[in-house]
């Protein structure tokens, strides 16, 4: 369970992530856990139209909210471009 989002890890998989203007910025590819097994971040596969290239970025759970249909973030496209890249 991801307490801050009130969803299970499985429910987050492939969930849409929307930006501050309501446009889709990508979708959740993976939930990242800390050493104790607690979820701390998600990997977001960023859409081509966002302007940062085809990347998977790591977004902390503290940057996300659940609006009931999708995850939302206040991060701008420019801020997304500065996030750590996920390289699995």
C-alpha atoms as a PDB file:
ATOM      1  CA  UNK A   1       0.000   0.000   0.000  1.00  0.00           C
ATOM      2  CA  UNK A   2       1.121   3.554  -0.771  1.00  0.00           C
ATOM      3  CA  UNK A   3      -0.405   5.437   2.182  1.00  0.00           C
ATOM      4  CA  UNK A   4       0.090   8.962   0.821  1.00  0.00           C
ATOM      5  CA  UNK A   5      -1.907   8.085  -2.312  1.00  0.00           C
ATOM      6  CA  UNK A   6      -4.285   5.577  -0.700  1.00  0.00           C
ATOM      7  CA  UNK A   7      -3.624   3.050  -3.461  1.00  0.00           C
ATOM      8  CA  UNK A   8      -1.840  -0.258  -3.752  1.00  0.00           C
ATOM      9  CA  UNK A   9       1.391  -0.550  -5.690  1.00  0.00           C
ATOM     10  CA  UNK A  10      -0.490  -2.574  -8.316  1.00  0.00           C
ATOM     11  CA  UNK A  11      -3.089   0.169  -8.738  1.00  0.00           C
ATOM     12  CA  UNK A  12      -0.351   2.706  -9.489  1.00  0.00           C
ATOM     13  CA  UNK A  13       1.130   0.642 -12.322  1.00  0.00           C
ATOM     14  CA  UNK A  14       0.384   2.320 -15.696  1.00  0.00           C
ATOM     15  CA  UNK A  15      -1.601   5.099 -14.003  1.00  0.00           C
ATOM     16  CA  UNK A  16      -1.636   8.403 -15.907  1.00  0.00           C
ATOM     17  CA  UNK A  17       0.312  11.333 -14.473  1.00  0.00           C
ATOM     18  CA  UNK A  18      -1.063  14.792 -15.233  1.00  0.00           C
ATOM     19  CA  UNK A  19       0.781  18.110 -15.093  1.00  0.00           C
ATOM     20  CA  UNK A  20      -0.324  21.369 -13.464  1.00  0.00           C
ATOM     21  CA  UNK A  21      -2.248  22.420 -16.584  1.00  0.00           C
ATOM     22  CA  UNK A  22      -4.181  19.138 -16.724  1.00  0.00           C
ATOM     23  CA  UNK A  23      -2.318  17.618 -19.666  1.00  0.00           C
ATOM     24  CA  UNK A  24      -0.906  14.121 -19.492  1.00  0.00           C
ATOM     25  CA  UNK A  25       2.827  14.113 -18.885  1.00  0.00           C
ATOM     26  CA  UNK A  26       3.255  10.343 -18.760  1.00  0.00           C
ATOM     27  CA  UNK A  27       2.389   7.206 -16.867  1.00  0.00           C
ATOM     28  CA  UNK A  28       3.748   5.234 -13.942  1.00  0.00           C
ATOM     29  CA  UNK A  29       6.107   2.471 -15.031  1.00  0.00           C
ATOM     30  CA  UNK A  30       7.352   1.324 -11.646  1.00  0.00           C
ATOM     31  CA  UNK A  31       7.079   2.040  -7.924  1.00  0.00           C
ATOM     32  CA  UNK A  32      10.444   2.396  -6.167  1.00  0.00           C
ATOM     33  CA  UNK A  33      10.947   1.168  -2.604  1.00  0.00           C
ATOM     34  CA  UNK A  34      13.458   2.067   0.079  1.00  0.00           C
ATOM     35  CA  UNK A  35      15.580  -0.513   1.907  1.00  0.00           C
ATOM     36  CA  UNK A  36      12.725  -1.297   4.307  1.00  0.00           C
ATOM     37  CA  UNK A  37      10.266  -1.984   1.484  1.00  0.00           C
ATOM     38  CA  UNK A  38       8.342   1.281   1.807  1.00  0.00           C
ATOM     39  CA  UNK A  39       7.350   3.039  -1.442  1.00  0.00           C
ATOM     40  CA  UNK A  40       9.189   6.356  -1.882  1.00  0.00           C
ATOM     41  CA  UNK A  41       8.957   7.297  -5.561  1.00  0.00           C
ATOM     42  CA  UNK A  42       7.610   6.295  -8.946  1.00  0.00           C
ATOM     43  CA  UNK A  43       9.217   6.033 -12.347  1.00  0.00           C
ATOM     44  CA  UNK A  44       7.235   8.086 -14.868  1.00  0.00           C
ATOM     45  CA  UNK A  45       7.558   7.321 -18.577  1.00  0.00           C
ATOM     46  CA  UNK A  46       7.336  10.875 -19.929  1.00  0.00           C
ATOM     47  CA  UNK A  47       5.279  11.585 -23.075  1.00  0.00           C
ATOM     48  CA  UNK A  48       7.096  12.850 -26.186  1.00  0.00           C
ATOM     49  CA  UNK A  49       5.112  16.115 -26.241  1.00  0.00           C
ATOM     50  CA  UNK A  50       6.362  17.248 -22.840  1.00  0.00           C
ATOM     51  CA  UNK A  51       9.544  18.605 -24.388  1.00  0.00           C
ATOM     52  CA  UNK A  52      12.225  16.780 -22.409  1.00  0.00           C
ATOM     53  CA  UNK A  53      12.689  13.846 -24.772  1.00  0.00           C
ATOM     54  CA  UNK A  54      11.764  10.215 -24.325  1.00  0.00           C
ATOM     55  CA  UNK A  55      12.813   9.682 -20.710  1.00  0.00           C
ATOM     56  CA  UNK A  56      11.829   7.825 -17.602  1.00  0.00           C
ATOM     57  CA  UNK A  57      12.213  10.109 -14.603  1.00  0.00           C
ATOM     58  CA  UNK A  58      11.996   9.468 -10.871  1.00  0.00           C
ATOM     59  CA  UNK A  59       9.259  11.444  -9.120  1.00  0.00           C
ATOM     60  CA  UNK A  60       9.039  11.411  -5.320  1.00  0.00           C
ATOM     61  CA  UNK A  61       5.680  10.477  -3.845  1.00  0.00           C
ATOM     62  CA  UNK A  62       5.642  13.849  -2.071  1.00  0.00           C
ATOM     63  CA  UNK A  63       5.284  15.469  -5.522  1.00  0.00           C
ATOM     64  CA  UNK A  64       2.127  13.514  -6.411  1.00  0.00           C
ATOM     65  CA  UNK A  65      -1.552  13.697  -5.544  1.00  0.00           C
ATOM     66  CA  UNK A  66      -4.400  11.369  -6.514  1.00  0.00           C
ATOM     67  CA  UNK A  67      -7.452  13.092  -7.992  1.00  0.00           C
ATOM     68  CA  UNK A  68      -9.418   9.847  -8.210  1.00  0.00           C
ATOM     69  CA  UNK A  69      -8.754   9.311 -11.920  1.00  0.00           C
ATOM     70  CA  UNK A  70      -5.041  10.025 -12.293  1.00  0.00           C
ATOM     71  CA  UNK A  71      -2.004  11.171 -10.380  1.00  0.00           C
ATOM     72  CA  UNK A  72      -1.322  14.889 -10.569  1.00  0.00           C
ATOM     73  CA  UNK A  73       1.811  16.916  -9.983  1.00  0.00           C
ATOM     74  CA  UNK A  74       2.599  20.616  -9.760  1.00  0.00           C
ATOM     75  CA  UNK A  75       5.954  19.995 -11.463  1.00  0.00           C
ATOM     76  CA  UNK A  76       6.391  21.973 -14.687  1.00  0.00           C
ATOM     77  CA  UNK A  77       7.944  20.530 -17.844  1.00  0.00           C
ATOM     78  CA  UNK A  78      11.166  22.402 -17.034  1.00  0.00           C
ATOM     79  CA  UNK A  79      11.232  20.885 -13.532  1.00  0.00           C
ATOM     80  CA  UNK A  80      10.559  17.405 -14.938  1.00  0.00           C
ATOM     81  CA  UNK A  81      13.645  17.838 -17.103  1.00  0.00           C
ATOM     82  CA  UNK A  82      15.817  18.246 -13.995  1.00  0.00           C
ATOM     83  CA  UNK A  83      14.627  15.071 -12.235  1.00  0.00           C
ATOM     84  CA  UNK A  84      16.855  11.998 -11.968  1.00  0.00           C
ATOM     85  CA  UNK A  85      16.667   9.648 -14.959  1.00  0.00           C
ATOM     86  CA  UNK A  86      15.671   6.037 -14.287  1.00  0.00           C
ATOM     87  CA  UNK A  87      18.034   3.642 -16.011  1.00  0.00           C
ATOM     88  CA  UNK A  88      16.953   0.118 -15.268  1.00  0.00           C
END
